[in-house]
């Protein structure tokens, strides 16, 4: 699986890894950021990698195999970062990185159900062991509940119209594929954006993914835990991909600034045009960093 870590140079600049230091990657994915950090913390610096997706961890174990016992990989949600860190001897580290959102394999594998570009089961679970999927939400939640998550989590202005169309269609037969849902949405909402490039299902798929994986709730939980896990002088780096996540991170850092952390970058860091051209999926990334006081 090909994976290009987003804002890698900027991440390393703010984390500033040095030989012998320990770090936690709370969203290790396929190990792009982790490999770069481990490369700078040898010969005895360690890294704890956490991920909700066991399939990611299988690949990551191979990608980071050369670092052997310097790496601990744990299948869990980062909302349990305090316990996971303590259980694995990482209770006081030199830095934590959280690269939010899905990884390339999620969007590239039709069977995961994250993309409306190709047909696949309407799933969207990072952790396949989790019970609730996007199919459950789309076919069982009320019109009011659907409208609310599309509006709040997708910032979709046609939320009510889309929710009504979904409820109407599912009365005929269950909506179980990504393309079926995308077609329903396209039937009631036209393309928008410059030259009509933004697919009308974009915001709804974002909302469903966030709801299925409890992304915003878990982000609210992990930030204070991550801060407590970092030693004085250690760094916290968070990369977000949409305004809802960035708003939570920005507010957290602002609330703690001058108390138990200091914001390093006063202005949010975004990818350069060169990075966007090399990796279009980086275009919406925003990085915020702080140092533990």
C-alpha atoms as a PDB file:
ATOM      1  CA  UNK A   1       0.000   0.000   0.000  1.00  0.00           C
ATOM      2  CA  UNK A   2       1.376   3.383  -0.998  1.00  0.00           C
ATOM      3  CA  UNK A   3       1.210   6.079   1.648  1.00  0.00           C
ATOM      4  CA  UNK A   4       2.550   9.629   1.586  1.00  0.00           C
ATOM      5  CA  UNK A   5       2.619  11.263   5.046  1.00  0.00           C
ATOM      6  CA  UNK A   6       1.101  14.744   5.020  1.00  0.00           C
ATOM      7  CA  UNK A   7       3.116  17.795   6.152  1.00  0.00           C
ATOM      8  CA  UNK A   8       6.042  15.535   7.052  1.00  0.00           C
ATOM      9  CA  UNK A   9       8.768  18.197   7.024  1.00  0.00           C
ATOM     10  CA  UNK A  10       6.664  20.551   9.110  1.00  0.00           C
ATOM     11  CA  UNK A  11       5.814  17.762  11.563  1.00  0.00           C
ATOM     12  CA  UNK A  12       9.480  16.931  12.081  1.00  0.00           C
ATOM     13  CA  UNK A  13      10.338  20.604  12.443  1.00  0.00           C
ATOM     14  CA  UNK A  14       7.883  21.073  15.309  1.00  0.00           C
ATOM     15  CA  UNK A  15       8.392  17.704  17.017  1.00  0.00           C
ATOM     16  CA  UNK A  16      12.178  18.085  16.655  1.00  0.00           C
ATOM     17  CA  UNK A  17      12.977  14.393  17.355  1.00  0.00           C
ATOM     18  CA  UNK A  18      16.427  13.673  18.787  1.00  0.00           C
ATOM     19  CA  UNK A  19      18.369  10.460  19.543  1.00  0.00           C
ATOM     20  CA  UNK A  20      17.004   8.577  22.551  1.00  0.00           C
ATOM     21  CA  UNK A  21      13.644  10.355  22.692  1.00  0.00           C
ATOM     22  CA  UNK A  22      10.253   8.612  22.930  1.00  0.00           C
ATOM     23  CA  UNK A  23       7.154   9.550  20.937  1.00  0.00           C
ATOM     24  CA  UNK A  24       3.539   8.474  20.495  1.00  0.00           C
ATOM     25  CA  UNK A  25       1.814   8.401  17.131  1.00  0.00           C
ATOM     26  CA  UNK A  26      -1.854   8.192  18.082  1.00  0.00           C
ATOM     27  CA  UNK A  27      -2.957   7.592  14.487  1.00  0.00           C
ATOM     28  CA  UNK A  28      -0.031   5.600  13.148  1.00  0.00           C
ATOM     29  CA  UNK A  29      -1.771   4.515   9.934  1.00  0.00           C
ATOM     30  CA  UNK A  30       0.816   2.933   7.638  1.00  0.00           C
ATOM     31  CA  UNK A  31       3.696   4.428   9.597  1.00  0.00           C
ATOM     32  CA  UNK A  32       4.843   7.318   7.394  1.00  0.00           C
ATOM     33  CA  UNK A  33       5.348   9.847  10.177  1.00  0.00           C
ATOM     34  CA  UNK A  34       6.461   7.094  12.568  1.00  0.00           C
ATOM     35  CA  UNK A  35       9.263   5.898  10.282  1.00  0.00           C
ATOM     36  CA  UNK A  36      10.635   9.427   9.940  1.00  0.00           C
ATOM     37  CA  UNK A  37      10.541   9.952  13.710  1.00  0.00           C
ATOM     38  CA  UNK A  38      12.224   6.615  14.406  1.00  0.00           C
ATOM     39  CA  UNK A  39      14.893   7.454  11.869  1.00  0.00           C
ATOM     40  CA  UNK A  40      15.843  10.513  13.922  1.00  0.00           C
ATOM     41  CA  UNK A  41      15.609   8.990  17.407  1.00  0.00           C
ATOM     42  CA  UNK A  42      18.011   6.070  16.981  1.00  0.00           C
ATOM     43  CA  UNK A  43      19.694   4.115  18.282  1.00  0.00           C
ATOM     44  CA  UNK A  44      17.408   3.697  21.308  1.00  0.00           C
ATOM     45  CA  UNK A  45      14.507   6.134  20.925  1.00  0.00           C
ATOM     46  CA  UNK A  46      11.104   4.419  21.015  1.00  0.00           C
ATOM     47  CA  UNK A  47       7.711   4.967  19.432  1.00  0.00           C
ATOM     48  CA  UNK A  48       4.237   3.826  20.448  1.00  0.00           C
ATOM     49  CA  UNK A  49       1.913   3.573  17.463  1.00  0.00           C
ATOM     50  CA  UNK A  50      -1.856   3.372  17.995  1.00  0.00           C
ATOM     51  CA  UNK A  51      -4.497   2.719  15.343  1.00  0.00           C
ATOM     52  CA  UNK A  52      -8.164   1.669  15.286  1.00  0.00           C
ATOM     53  CA  UNK A  53      -7.710  -0.279  12.059  1.00  0.00           C
ATOM     54  CA  UNK A  54      -6.083  -3.714  12.475  1.00  0.00           C
ATOM     55  CA  UNK A  55      -5.478  -3.928   8.720  1.00  0.00           C
ATOM     56  CA  UNK A  56      -3.368  -0.771   8.868  1.00  0.00           C
ATOM     57  CA  UNK A  57      -1.330  -2.238  11.712  1.00  0.00           C
ATOM     58  CA  UNK A  58      -0.577  -5.411   9.761  1.00  0.00           C
ATOM     59  CA  UNK A  59       1.051  -3.328   7.022  1.00  0.00           C
ATOM     60  CA  UNK A  60       2.677  -0.929   9.495  1.00  0.00           C
ATOM     61  CA  UNK A  61       4.349  -3.824  11.280  1.00  0.00           C
ATOM     62  CA  UNK A  62       6.047  -4.737   8.016  1.00  0.00           C
ATOM     63  CA  UNK A  63       6.886  -1.118   7.162  1.00  0.00           C
ATOM     64  CA  UNK A  64       8.559  -0.548  10.540  1.00  0.00           C
ATOM     65  CA  UNK A  65      10.068  -4.035  10.925  1.00  0.00           C
ATOM     66  CA  UNK A  66      13.648  -2.780  10.779  1.00  0.00           C
ATOM     67  CA  UNK A  67      13.127  -0.814  14.005  1.00  0.00           C
ATOM     68  CA  UNK A  68      12.328  -4.046  15.887  1.00  0.00           C
ATOM     69  CA  UNK A  69      11.846  -3.533  19.633  1.00  0.00           C
ATOM     70  CA  UNK A  70      11.952   0.261  19.310  1.00  0.00           C
ATOM     71  CA  UNK A  71       8.314   0.134  18.132  1.00  0.00           C
ATOM     72  CA  UNK A  72       5.160  -0.853  20.032  1.00  0.00           C
ATOM     73  CA  UNK A  73       2.026  -1.126  17.868  1.00  0.00           C
ATOM     74  CA  UNK A  74      -1.355  -1.255  19.597  1.00  0.00           C
ATOM     75  CA  UNK A  75      -4.817  -1.829  18.124  1.00  0.00           C
ATOM     76  CA  UNK A  76      -6.999   0.686  19.961  1.00  0.00           C
ATOM     77  CA  UNK A  77      -8.584   4.113  19.703  1.00  0.00           C
ATOM     78  CA  UNK A  78      -6.477   7.098  20.655  1.00  0.00           C
ATOM     79  CA  UNK A  79      -9.230   8.088  23.067  1.00  0.00           C
ATOM     80  CA  UNK A  80      -7.564   5.556  25.401  1.00  0.00           C
ATOM     81  CA  UNK A  81      -4.116   7.072  24.921  1.00  0.00           C
ATOM     82  CA  UNK A  82      -3.418   7.562  28.651  1.00  0.00           C
ATOM     83  CA  UNK A  83      -4.028   3.913  29.530  1.00  0.00           C
ATOM     84  CA  UNK A  84      -2.310   2.602  26.408  1.00  0.00           C
ATOM     85  CA  UNK A  85       0.743   4.768  27.074  1.00  0.00           C
ATOM     86  CA  UNK A  86       0.936   3.711  30.726  1.00  0.00           C
ATOM     87  CA  UNK A  87       0.485   0.015  29.936  1.00  0.00           C
ATOM     88  CA  UNK A  88       3.338   0.121  27.420  1.00  0.00           C
ATOM     89  CA  UNK A  89       5.793   2.256  29.374  1.00  0.00           C
ATOM     90  CA  UNK A  90       5.197   5.497  27.450  1.00  0.00           C
ATOM     91  CA  UNK A  91       3.531   7.505  30.215  1.00  0.00           C
ATOM     92  CA  UNK A  92       5.943  10.462  29.834  1.00  0.00           C
ATOM     93  CA  UNK A  93       7.120  11.094  26.272  1.00  0.00           C
ATOM     94  CA  UNK A  94       8.871  13.781  24.258  1.00  0.00           C
ATOM     95  CA  UNK A  95       6.027  14.302  21.830  1.00  0.00           C
ATOM     96  CA  UNK A  96       2.668  13.160  20.494  1.00  0.00           C
ATOM     97  CA  UNK A  97       1.430  13.392  16.913  1.00  0.00           C
ATOM     98  CA  UNK A  98      -2.204  13.000  15.854  1.00  0.00           C
ATOM     99  CA  UNK A  99      -2.801  12.832  12.104  1.00  0.00           C
ATOM    100  CA  UNK A 100      -6.597  12.883  11.968  1.00  0.00           C
ATOM    101  CA  UNK A 101      -8.989  11.486   9.402  1.00  0.00           C
ATOM    102  CA  UNK A 102      -8.723   8.455   7.160  1.00  0.00           C
ATOM    103  CA  UNK A 103      -5.621   7.066   5.466  1.00  0.00           C
ATOM    104  CA  UNK A 104      -5.126   6.317   1.777  1.00  0.00           C
ATOM    105  CA  UNK A 105      -6.044   2.595   2.026  1.00  0.00           C
ATOM    106  CA  UNK A 106      -9.440   3.553   3.429  1.00  0.00           C
ATOM    107  CA  UNK A 107     -10.342   5.658   0.424  1.00  0.00           C
ATOM    108  CA  UNK A 108      -8.635   3.406  -2.142  1.00  0.00           C
ATOM    109  CA  UNK A 109     -10.290   0.143  -1.066  1.00  0.00           C
ATOM    110  CA  UNK A 110     -13.915   0.020  -2.304  1.00  0.00           C
ATOM    111  CA  UNK A 111     -14.722  -2.670   0.258  1.00  0.00           C
ATOM    112  CA  UNK A 112     -14.214  -0.154   3.078  1.00  0.00           C
ATOM    113  CA  UNK A 113     -17.080   2.002   1.803  1.00  0.00           C
ATOM    114  CA  UNK A 114     -15.486   5.430   2.318  1.00  0.00           C
ATOM    115  CA  UNK A 115     -15.680   6.650  -1.277  1.00  0.00           C
ATOM    116  CA  UNK A 116     -18.580   7.368  -3.602  1.00  0.00           C
ATOM    117  CA  UNK A 117     -16.272   7.129  -6.629  1.00  0.00           C
ATOM    118  CA  UNK A 118     -16.472   3.323  -6.772  1.00  0.00           C
ATOM    119  CA  UNK A 119     -19.174   0.885  -5.684  1.00  0.00           C
ATOM    120  CA  UNK A 120     -18.721  -0.795  -2.343  1.00  0.00           C
ATOM    121  CA  UNK A 121     -20.636  -1.661   0.813  1.00  0.00           C
ATOM    122  CA  UNK A 122     -21.787   1.377   2.766  1.00  0.00           C
ATOM    123  CA  UNK A 123     -19.458   0.736   5.699  1.00  0.00           C
ATOM    124  CA  UNK A 124     -16.966   3.496   6.714  1.00  0.00           C
ATOM    125  CA  UNK A 125     -15.758   1.812   9.909  1.00  0.00           C
ATOM    126  CA  UNK A 126     -12.082   2.291  10.775  1.00  0.00           C
ATOM    127  CA  UNK A 127     -12.389  -0.661  13.122  1.00  0.00           C
ATOM    128  CA  UNK A 128     -14.242  -3.514  11.376  1.00  0.00           C
ATOM    129  CA  UNK A 129     -15.018  -5.043  14.790  1.00  0.00           C
ATOM    130  CA  UNK A 130     -17.231  -2.067  15.618  1.00  0.00           C
ATOM    131  CA  UNK A 131     -20.955  -2.809  15.325  1.00  0.00           C
ATOM    132  CA  UNK A 132     -22.389   0.387  13.809  1.00  0.00           C
ATOM    133  CA  UNK A 133     -21.667   1.114  10.149  1.00  0.00           C
ATOM    134  CA  UNK A 134     -22.857   3.775   7.720  1.00  0.00           C
ATOM    135  CA  UNK A 135     -25.499   1.329   6.464  1.00  0.00           C
ATOM    136  CA  UNK A 136     -27.051   1.244   9.931  1.00  0.00           C
ATOM    137  CA  UNK A 137     -27.238   5.030  10.124  1.00  0.00           C
ATOM    138  CA  UNK A 138     -28.603   5.552   6.619  1.00  0.00           C
ATOM    139  CA  UNK A 139     -31.296   2.889   6.936  1.00  0.00           C
ATOM    140  CA  UNK A 140     -32.310   3.195  10.589  1.00  0.00           C
ATOM    141  CA  UNK A 141     -31.912   6.770  11.763  1.00  0.00           C
ATOM    142  CA  UNK A 142     -34.878   9.118  11.531  1.00  0.00           C
ATOM    143  CA  UNK A 143     -35.128  11.866   8.946  1.00  0.00           C
ATOM    144  CA  UNK A 144     -34.511  14.441  11.684  1.00  0.00           C
ATOM    145  CA  UNK A 145     -31.399  12.632  12.948  1.00  0.00           C
ATOM    146  CA  UNK A 146     -29.986  12.300   9.438  1.00  0.00           C
ATOM    147  CA  UNK A 147     -30.650  15.938   8.680  1.00  0.00           C
ATOM    148  CA  UNK A 148     -28.919  16.980  11.887  1.00  0.00           C
ATOM    149  CA  UNK A 149     -25.692  15.056  11.280  1.00  0.00           C
ATOM    150  CA  UNK A 150     -25.524  16.161   7.640  1.00  0.00           C
ATOM    151  CA  UNK A 151     -25.902  19.768   8.768  1.00  0.00           C
ATOM    152  CA  UNK A 152     -23.611  19.634  11.802  1.00  0.00           C
ATOM    153  CA  UNK A 153     -20.938  17.148  10.739  1.00  0.00           C
ATOM    154  CA  UNK A 154     -21.008  17.753   6.998  1.00  0.00           C
ATOM    155  CA  UNK A 155     -21.926  21.450   7.069  1.00  0.00           C
ATOM    156  CA  UNK A 156     -24.370  20.529   4.301  1.00  0.00           C
ATOM    157  CA  UNK A 157     -26.851  23.279   3.478  1.00  0.00           C
ATOM    158  CA  UNK A 158     -29.230  20.852   1.742  1.00  0.00           C
ATOM    159  CA  UNK A 159     -29.284  18.510   4.742  1.00  0.00           C
ATOM    160  CA  UNK A 160     -33.066  18.337   5.101  1.00  0.00           C
ATOM    161  CA  UNK A 161     -33.673  17.746   1.389  1.00  0.00           C
ATOM    162  CA  UNK A 162     -31.082  14.939   1.295  1.00  0.00           C
ATOM    163  CA  UNK A 163     -32.412  13.304   4.468  1.00  0.00           C
ATOM    164  CA  UNK A 164     -35.950  13.331   3.081  1.00  0.00           C
ATOM    165  CA  UNK A 165     -34.773  11.719  -0.169  1.00  0.00           C
ATOM    166  CA  UNK A 166     -32.914   8.979   1.732  1.00  0.00           C
ATOM    167  CA  UNK A 167     -35.938   8.141   3.864  1.00  0.00           C
ATOM    168  CA  UNK A 168     -38.155   8.071   0.773  1.00  0.00           C
ATOM    169  CA  UNK A 169     -35.821   5.743  -1.146  1.00  0.00           C
ATOM    170  CA  UNK A 170     -35.107   3.354   1.727  1.00  0.00           C
ATOM    171  CA  UNK A 171     -38.831   2.664   2.032  1.00  0.00           C
ATOM    172  CA  UNK A 172     -38.574   0.977  -1.376  1.00  0.00           C
ATOM    173  CA  UNK A 173     -35.405  -0.996  -0.577  1.00  0.00           C
ATOM    174  CA  UNK A 174     -32.432  -0.700   1.826  1.00  0.00           C
ATOM    175  CA  UNK A 175     -29.574   1.555   0.748  1.00  0.00           C
ATOM    176  CA  UNK A 176     -26.496  -0.650   1.069  1.00  0.00           C
ATOM    177  CA  UNK A 177     -23.865   0.614  -1.398  1.00  0.00           C
ATOM    178  CA  UNK A 178     -21.834   3.794  -1.712  1.00  0.00           C
ATOM    179  CA  UNK A 179     -22.928   4.451  -5.275  1.00  0.00           C
ATOM    180  CA  UNK A 180     -26.617   3.947  -4.459  1.00  0.00           C
ATOM    181  CA  UNK A 181     -26.395   6.622  -1.761  1.00  0.00           C
ATOM    182  CA  UNK A 182     -24.400   8.949  -4.014  1.00  0.00           C
ATOM    183  CA  UNK A 183     -27.015   8.621  -6.766  1.00  0.00           C
ATOM    184  CA  UNK A 184     -29.841   9.479  -4.360  1.00  0.00           C
ATOM    185  CA  UNK A 185     -28.006  12.610  -3.256  1.00  0.00           C
ATOM    186  CA  UNK A 186     -27.134  13.598  -6.846  1.00  0.00           C
ATOM    187  CA  UNK A 187     -30.805  13.312  -7.705  1.00  0.00           C
ATOM    188  CA  UNK A 188     -31.779  16.135  -5.353  1.00  0.00           C
ATOM    189  CA  UNK A 189     -28.630  18.303  -5.164  1.00  0.00           C
ATOM    190  CA  UNK A 190     -26.687  19.623  -8.179  1.00  0.00           C
ATOM    191  CA  UNK A 191     -22.910  19.701  -8.413  1.00  0.00           C
ATOM    192  CA  UNK A 192     -21.360  22.834  -6.971  1.00  0.00           C
ATOM    193  CA  UNK A 193     -18.061  24.565  -6.487  1.00  0.00           C
ATOM    194  CA  UNK A 194     -15.876  25.970  -9.253  1.00  0.00           C
ATOM    195  CA  UNK A 195     -17.013  24.447 -12.554  1.00  0.00           C
ATOM    196  CA  UNK A 196     -19.227  22.022 -10.626  1.00  0.00           C
ATOM    197  CA  UNK A 197     -16.277  19.949  -9.437  1.00  0.00           C
ATOM    198  CA  UNK A 198     -17.540  19.238  -5.929  1.00  0.00           C
ATOM    199  CA  UNK A 199     -19.663  16.099  -5.937  1.00  0.00           C
ATOM    200  CA  UNK A 200     -22.977  16.680  -4.100  1.00  0.00           C
ATOM    201  CA  UNK A 201     -22.333  13.613  -1.904  1.00  0.00           C
ATOM    202  CA  UNK A 202     -19.022  14.941  -0.529  1.00  0.00           C
ATOM    203  CA  UNK A 203     -20.372  16.562   2.635  1.00  0.00           C
ATOM    204  CA  UNK A 204     -22.789  13.728   3.419  1.00  0.00           C
ATOM    205  CA  UNK A 205     -20.053  11.095   3.169  1.00  0.00           C
ATOM    206  CA  UNK A 206     -17.876  13.202   5.478  1.00  0.00           C
ATOM    207  CA  UNK A 207     -20.724  13.472   7.984  1.00  0.00           C
ATOM    208  CA  UNK A 208     -21.403   9.745   7.942  1.00  0.00           C
ATOM    209  CA  UNK A 209     -17.717   8.886   8.380  1.00  0.00           C
ATOM    210  CA  UNK A 210     -17.421  11.225  11.366  1.00  0.00           C
ATOM    211  CA  UNK A 211     -20.616   9.878  12.934  1.00  0.00           C
ATOM    212  CA  UNK A 212     -19.738   6.200  12.393  1.00  0.00           C
ATOM    213  CA  UNK A 213     -16.297   6.569  13.977  1.00  0.00           C
ATOM    214  CA  UNK A 214     -17.221   9.131  16.676  1.00  0.00           C
ATOM    215  CA  UNK A 215     -14.347  11.263  15.414  1.00  0.00           C
ATOM    216  CA  UNK A 216     -15.182  14.569  17.075  1.00  0.00           C
ATOM    217  CA  UNK A 217     -16.073  13.009  20.432  1.00  0.00           C
ATOM    218  CA  UNK A 218     -12.818  11.041  20.479  1.00  0.00           C
ATOM    219  CA  UNK A 219     -10.797  14.129  19.519  1.00  0.00           C
ATOM    220  CA  UNK A 220     -12.274  16.037  22.454  1.00  0.00           C
ATOM    221  CA  UNK A 221     -11.268  13.149  24.746  1.00  0.00           C
ATOM    222  CA  UNK A 222      -7.736  12.572  23.437  1.00  0.00           C
ATOM    223  CA  UNK A 223      -6.353  16.122  23.538  1.00  0.00           C
ATOM    224  CA  UNK A 224      -6.185  16.569  27.342  1.00  0.00           C
ATOM    225  CA  UNK A 225      -4.899  13.005  27.727  1.00  0.00           C
ATOM    226  CA  UNK A 226      -2.181  13.599  25.141  1.00  0.00           C
ATOM    227  CA  UNK A 227      -1.106  16.749  26.930  1.00  0.00           C
ATOM    228  CA  UNK A 228      -0.804  14.900  30.248  1.00  0.00           C
ATOM    229  CA  UNK A 229       1.282  12.195  28.566  1.00  0.00           C
ATOM    230  CA  UNK A 230       3.896  14.663  27.314  1.00  0.00           C
ATOM    231  CA  UNK A 231       6.875  15.601  29.499  1.00  0.00           C
ATOM    232  CA  UNK A 232       7.627  19.302  30.090  1.00  0.00           C
ATOM    233  CA  UNK A 233       9.331  20.619  26.980  1.00  0.00           C
ATOM    234  CA  UNK A 234       7.704  17.946  24.806  1.00  0.00           C
ATOM    235  CA  UNK A 235       5.609  18.746  21.749  1.00  0.00           C
ATOM    236  CA  UNK A 236       2.042  18.133  20.610  1.00  0.00           C
ATOM    237  CA  UNK A 237       1.388  18.188  16.856  1.00  0.00           C
ATOM    238  CA  UNK A 238      -2.116  17.776  15.414  1.00  0.00           C
ATOM    239  CA  UNK A 239      -2.957  17.595  11.702  1.00  0.00           C
ATOM    240  CA  UNK A 240      -6.633  18.037  10.849  1.00  0.00           C
ATOM    241  CA  UNK A 241      -8.477  17.899   7.541  1.00  0.00           C
ATOM    242  CA  UNK A 242     -11.714  19.815   8.000  1.00  0.00           C
ATOM    243  CA  UNK A 243     -12.928  22.847   9.897  1.00  0.00           C
ATOM    244  CA  UNK A 244     -14.783  20.906  12.606  1.00  0.00           C
ATOM    245  CA  UNK A 245     -11.599  19.122  13.725  1.00  0.00           C
ATOM    246  CA  UNK A 246      -9.428  22.215  13.404  1.00  0.00           C
ATOM    247  CA  UNK A 247     -11.884  24.235  15.473  1.00  0.00           C
ATOM    248  CA  UNK A 248     -11.631  21.747  18.357  1.00  0.00           C
ATOM    249  CA  UNK A 249      -7.814  21.699  18.218  1.00  0.00           C
ATOM    250  CA  UNK A 250      -7.578  25.479  17.962  1.00  0.00           C
ATOM    251  CA  UNK A 251      -9.918  25.987  20.912  1.00  0.00           C
ATOM    252  CA  UNK A 252      -8.076  23.429  23.065  1.00  0.00           C
ATOM    253  CA  UNK A 253      -4.690  25.000  22.442  1.00  0.00           C
ATOM    254  CA  UNK A 254      -6.034  28.492  22.987  1.00  0.00           C
ATOM    255  CA  UNK A 255      -7.686  27.493  26.281  1.00  0.00           C
ATOM    256  CA  UNK A 256      -4.435  25.928  27.570  1.00  0.00           C
ATOM    257  CA  UNK A 257      -2.028  28.528  26.177  1.00  0.00           C
ATOM    258  CA  UNK A 258       0.058  30.077  28.945  1.00  0.00           C
ATOM    259  CA  UNK A 259      -1.148  27.529  31.496  1.00  0.00           C
ATOM    260  CA  UNK A 260       0.234  24.104  30.633  1.00  0.00           C
ATOM    261  CA  UNK A 261       1.210  24.606  27.001  1.00  0.00           C
ATOM    262  CA  UNK A 262       2.555  27.258  24.659  1.00  0.00           C
ATOM    263  CA  UNK A 263       1.371  27.489  21.077  1.00  0.00           C
ATOM    264  CA  UNK A 264       4.362  27.230  18.744  1.00  0.00           C
ATOM    265  CA  UNK A 265       2.779  28.309  15.461  1.00  0.00           C
ATOM    266  CA  UNK A 266       0.503  31.296  15.908  1.00  0.00           C
ATOM    267  CA  UNK A 267      -0.767  30.814  12.353  1.00  0.00           C
ATOM    268  CA  UNK A 268      -2.037  27.426  11.190  1.00  0.00           C
ATOM    269  CA  UNK A 269       0.400  25.607   8.879  1.00  0.00           C
ATOM    270  CA  UNK A 270      -0.875  24.421   5.504  1.00  0.00           C
ATOM    271  CA  UNK A 271       0.810  22.354   2.786  1.00  0.00           C
ATOM    272  CA  UNK A 272       2.813  24.087   0.089  1.00  0.00           C
ATOM    273  CA  UNK A 273       1.622  24.099  -3.508  1.00  0.00           C
ATOM    274  CA  UNK A 274       4.428  21.664  -4.318  1.00  0.00           C
ATOM    275  CA  UNK A 275       3.142  19.169  -1.729  1.00  0.00           C
ATOM    276  CA  UNK A 276      -0.437  19.508  -2.963  1.00  0.00           C
ATOM    277  CA  UNK A 277       0.678  18.802  -6.523  1.00  0.00           C
ATOM    278  CA  UNK A 278       2.607  15.724  -5.361  1.00  0.00           C
ATOM    279  CA  UNK A 279      -0.173  14.569  -3.013  1.00  0.00           C
ATOM    280  CA  UNK A 280      -3.606  16.122  -3.771  1.00  0.00           C
ATOM    281  CA  UNK A 281      -5.075  14.578  -0.603  1.00  0.00           C
ATOM    282  CA  UNK A 282      -2.920  16.959   1.435  1.00  0.00           C
ATOM    283  CA  UNK A 283      -4.737  20.043   0.137  1.00  0.00           C
ATOM    284  CA  UNK A 284      -7.080  20.480   3.125  1.00  0.00           C
ATOM    285  CA  UNK A 285      -4.521  19.638   5.842  1.00  0.00           C
ATOM    286  CA  UNK A 286      -3.938  22.059   8.722  1.00  0.00           C
ATOM    287  CA  UNK A 287      -1.214  21.644  11.336  1.00  0.00           C
ATOM    288  CA  UNK A 288      -1.155  23.133  14.825  1.00  0.00           C
ATOM    289  CA  UNK A 289       1.665  22.597  17.314  1.00  0.00           C
ATOM    290  CA  UNK A 290       2.320  23.369  20.970  1.00  0.00           C
ATOM    291  CA  UNK A 291       4.986  22.752  23.608  1.00  0.00           C
ATOM    292  CA  UNK A 292       4.244  21.347  27.089  1.00  0.00           C
ATOM    293  CA  UNK A 293       5.127  23.811  29.846  1.00  0.00           C
END
